[in-house]
């Protein structure tokens, strides 16, 4: 690719950011679509999120992705925030507008797009979420917005799960209270018997690849489909346990792919079809 005075720049800001897969996604898309655009990682020191946002705008960057630990820190420095990102309370994509950046969250749309491609729906499902951190909260918001019948949040600290359940119930239609919470140690006595389970903690992430939040067979027998949002390794212990007990299992790499694709579409106005998505997937070395 020729880089010249017309080349647009996008990137990802985070700390750490050295091992990001995002350049493989975006540079593959740009090359395939003939866009004069490059994407690079930016290591932003602690306490400098605002400086990075202002500097990116001053340097005429077309857009930025935002990863840990800055998804909340950037919000005060934005000109505007998309309603979904505002509800979730976290931003992972900045889109250049007149006078400043607009913040979006493409993580949950990316998960939903990955699930849709895999033939997994949320509407009418009993959705079980493992964890009660920021990612679990976002997944719960996605579930209520997409019409889940029941949302059950399991966490070691019950109070954190209860807090998310109350918030999610506040987003549900009037008279509907789909969300509830359960302590993790009660996992073997779940009500119902067919769940779409979403693993929203970092348990099982490299290098501790043999770990799983739950080991009990009785739990996994109630999971018809499991999604692990961990993407390294591509096949986690959670996924293996789901499959061993008769369920379908999917990992977080495709979510990572589609959150990047959606960001690229926001920056450029391009529409990324399935064939091009596959090229970007191959560039990430997704197995």
Foldseek 3Di string as FASTA:
>chain_A
DDADPPAAEEEEEEVPDVPDLLQLQQVLLCVVVVHSYGYYYDYDDPPCLLVVQVVCVVVVHQKYFYDPPCQQVNVVNFPEEDPLCVLLNGFGMWGDDVPGTYTYFLLLVLVQVLCVVVVHALAQFAEEEEDQDSQSLSVLLSNQVRHHQAYEYEYQPQVSQQVSQVSSQVVHPPPDRRYDYDYNVCLLVDPAQEYEYEYRDCFCAPPNQQGDSDDDLSNLLSYQEYEYLHPVVQAGNVQVSNVVNPHHYGYNPSSVLRSSVVSSCSSPVDDQDPVSSVSSSVSSVRD
